[in-house]
Protein backbone atom coordinates (compact mmCIF):
# COMPACT_ATOMS: atom_id res chain seq x y z
CA UNK A 1 8.13 20.99 -17.76
CA UNK A 2 9.08 17.80 -19.89
CA UNK A 3 6.31 16.15 -22.09
CA UNK A 4 5.01 12.40 -20.63
CA UNK A 5 6.74 9.49 -22.74
CA UNK A 6 4.61 6.67 -23.92
CA UNK A 7 5.29 4.57 -21.77
CA UNK A 8 4.57 6.83 -18.70
CA UNK A 9 1.83 5.39 -16.52
CA UNK A 10 -1.27 7.64 -15.33
CA UNK A 11 -3.46 6.42 -12.70
CA UNK A 12 -6.71 8.69 -11.06
CA UNK A 13 -6.43 8.91 -7.40
CA UNK A 14 -9.91 11.09 -7.39
CA UNK A 15 -12.79 10.60 -8.27
CA UNK A 16 -14.61 12.58 -11.43
CA UNK A 17 -16.98 15.15 -10.85
CA UNK A 18 -20.13 13.87 -12.68
CA UNK A 19 -18.94 10.61 -12.99
CA UNK A 20 -21.73 7.51 -11.95
CA UNK A 21 -19.09 4.87 -11.24
CA UNK A 22 -18.82 3.38 -7.34
CA UNK A 23 -15.87 5.33 -5.86
CA UNK A 24 -13.08 3.27 -5.59
CA UNK A 25 -12.12 5.10 -1.88
CA UNK A 26 -12.61 2.97 1.00
CA UNK A 27 -13.83 4.41 4.12
CA UNK A 28 -12.58 3.46 8.15
CA UNK A 29 -16.24 1.69 8.79
CA UNK A 30 -15.59 -0.50 5.36
CA UNK A 31 -12.27 -2.00 6.61
CA UNK A 32 -11.72 -5.44 7.56
CA UNK A 33 -10.67 -5.89 10.96
CA UNK A 34 -7.77 -7.75 10.23
CA UNK A 35 -4.82 -6.87 7.37
CA UNK A 36 -1.89 -8.18 6.29
CA UNK A 37 0.53 -5.65 7.95
CA UNK A 38 3.86 -5.06 5.08
CA UNK A 39 7.04 -3.78 6.81
CA UNK A 40 8.72 -0.99 5.20
CA UNK A 41 12.42 -0.44 5.52
CA UNK A 42 13.03 3.07 4.04
CA UNK A 43 10.07 4.83 3.05
CA UNK A 44 7.30 6.41 5.02
CA UNK A 45 4.14 6.87 2.79
CA UNK A 46 0.75 8.69 3.46
CA UNK A 47 -2.74 8.60 2.17
CA UNK A 48 -3.40 10.70 -1.06
CA UNK A 49 -0.50 9.57 -3.61
CA UNK A 50 0.43 6.25 -5.40
CA UNK A 51 3.73 5.30 -4.24
CA UNK A 52 5.89 2.63 -5.90
CA UNK A 53 7.52 0.11 -3.50
CA UNK A 54 10.57 -2.28 -4.69
CA UNK A 55 9.55 -5.67 -2.45
CA UNK A 56 12.61 -7.98 -2.26
CA UNK A 57 12.21 -10.29 0.39
CA UNK A 58 10.60 -14.03 -0.37
CA UNK A 59 7.97 -13.01 2.84
CA UNK A 60 6.91 -9.71 1.38
CA UNK A 61 6.45 -11.37 -2.25
CA UNK A 62 4.22 -14.42 -0.51
CA UNK A 63 1.89 -11.27 0.94
CA UNK A 64 1.75 -9.65 -2.54
CA UNK A 65 0.74 -12.85 -4.26
CA UNK A 66 -1.34 -13.46 -1.67
CA UNK A 67 -2.89 -9.86 -1.58
CA UNK A 68 -3.86 -10.14 -5.51
CA UNK A 69 -5.67 -13.28 -5.55
CA UNK A 70 -8.05 -11.42 -2.39
CA UNK A 71 -9.30 -7.64 -1.78
CA UNK A 72 -5.74 -5.72 -2.40
CA UNK A 73 -5.98 -4.40 0.62
CA UNK A 74 -2.86 -3.96 3.52
CA UNK A 75 -1.43 -1.82 6.06
CA UNK A 76 1.95 -0.46 5.24
CA UNK A 77 3.77 0.53 8.28
CA UNK A 78 7.98 1.54 8.39
CA UNK A 79 10.26 -0.58 9.97
CA UNK A 80 12.23 0.81 13.22
CA UNK A 81 15.40 -1.29 11.80
CA UNK A 82 15.83 -1.46 8.12
CA UNK A 83 18.08 -4.38 8.26
CA UNK A 84 14.94 -6.32 9.65
CA UNK A 85 13.74 -9.05 6.86
CA UNK A 86 10.97 -10.17 8.82
CA UNK A 87 9.38 -7.80 11.11
CA UNK A 88 7.57 -8.51 13.81
CA UNK A 89 4.90 -6.09 15.75
CA UNK A 90 7.72 -5.20 17.88
CA UNK A 91 9.72 -4.23 15.02
CA UNK A 92 7.19 -1.44 13.93
CA UNK A 93 6.52 2.08 14.38
CA UNK A 94 2.80 2.49 15.66
CA UNK A 95 1.31 4.32 12.90
CA UNK A 96 1.02 3.29 9.49
CA UNK A 97 -1.44 3.52 6.07
CA UNK A 98 -4.05 1.13 5.16
CA UNK A 99 -3.10 1.14 1.08
CA UNK A 100 -4.74 -0.46 -1.95
CA UNK A 101 -2.34 -2.69 -4.26
CA UNK A 102 -3.31 -0.62 -7.56
CA UNK A 103 -0.51 -2.21 -9.47
CA UNK A 104 2.32 -5.38 -9.73
CA UNK A 105 4.75 -5.77 -12.12
CA UNK A 106 7.23 -8.41 -11.02
CA UNK A 107 8.62 -7.48 -7.77
CA UNK A 108 8.04 -3.56 -7.72
CA UNK A 109 4.01 -2.92 -6.77
CA UNK A 110 2.28 0.47 -6.68
CA UNK A 111 0.24 0.99 -3.63
CA UNK A 112 -2.47 3.98 -2.68
CA UNK A 113 -2.52 4.51 0.73
CA UNK A 114 -6.22 5.19 1.31
CA UNK A 115 -6.39 5.70 5.33
CA UNK A 116 -3.81 6.19 8.65
CA UNK A 117 -4.03 3.08 10.77
CA UNK A 118 -2.77 2.33 14.22
CA UNK A 119 -0.40 -0.92 13.42
CA UNK A 120 -0.92 -2.43 16.53
CA UNK A 121 -4.58 -2.92 15.49
CA UNK A 122 -3.96 -4.67 12.66
């Protein structure tokens, strides 16, 4: 096992027992009715992990900028064809994840998947 460098960032994804802080988990009942959707060209994500994403297209960069100013929740869904730059509902698979934007830096962001979602419902 290697020792983490000083540049390694650790993000807690589980609540520690005994802490009185309010949980950052999102229940299905507390999700908004509508979510912005980010089409993923080459990665499938699942609840329970923090995932780094490279965001390159102008529409996706604008979506991330808008999320930073809001509640930081989005739907992340795998695209059927990776080469589609601006995917519509017909270009996306039907199941994805609701994610919370955990961190952004330039074109790289980290998302924490919190719940599976039907992409045609968001």
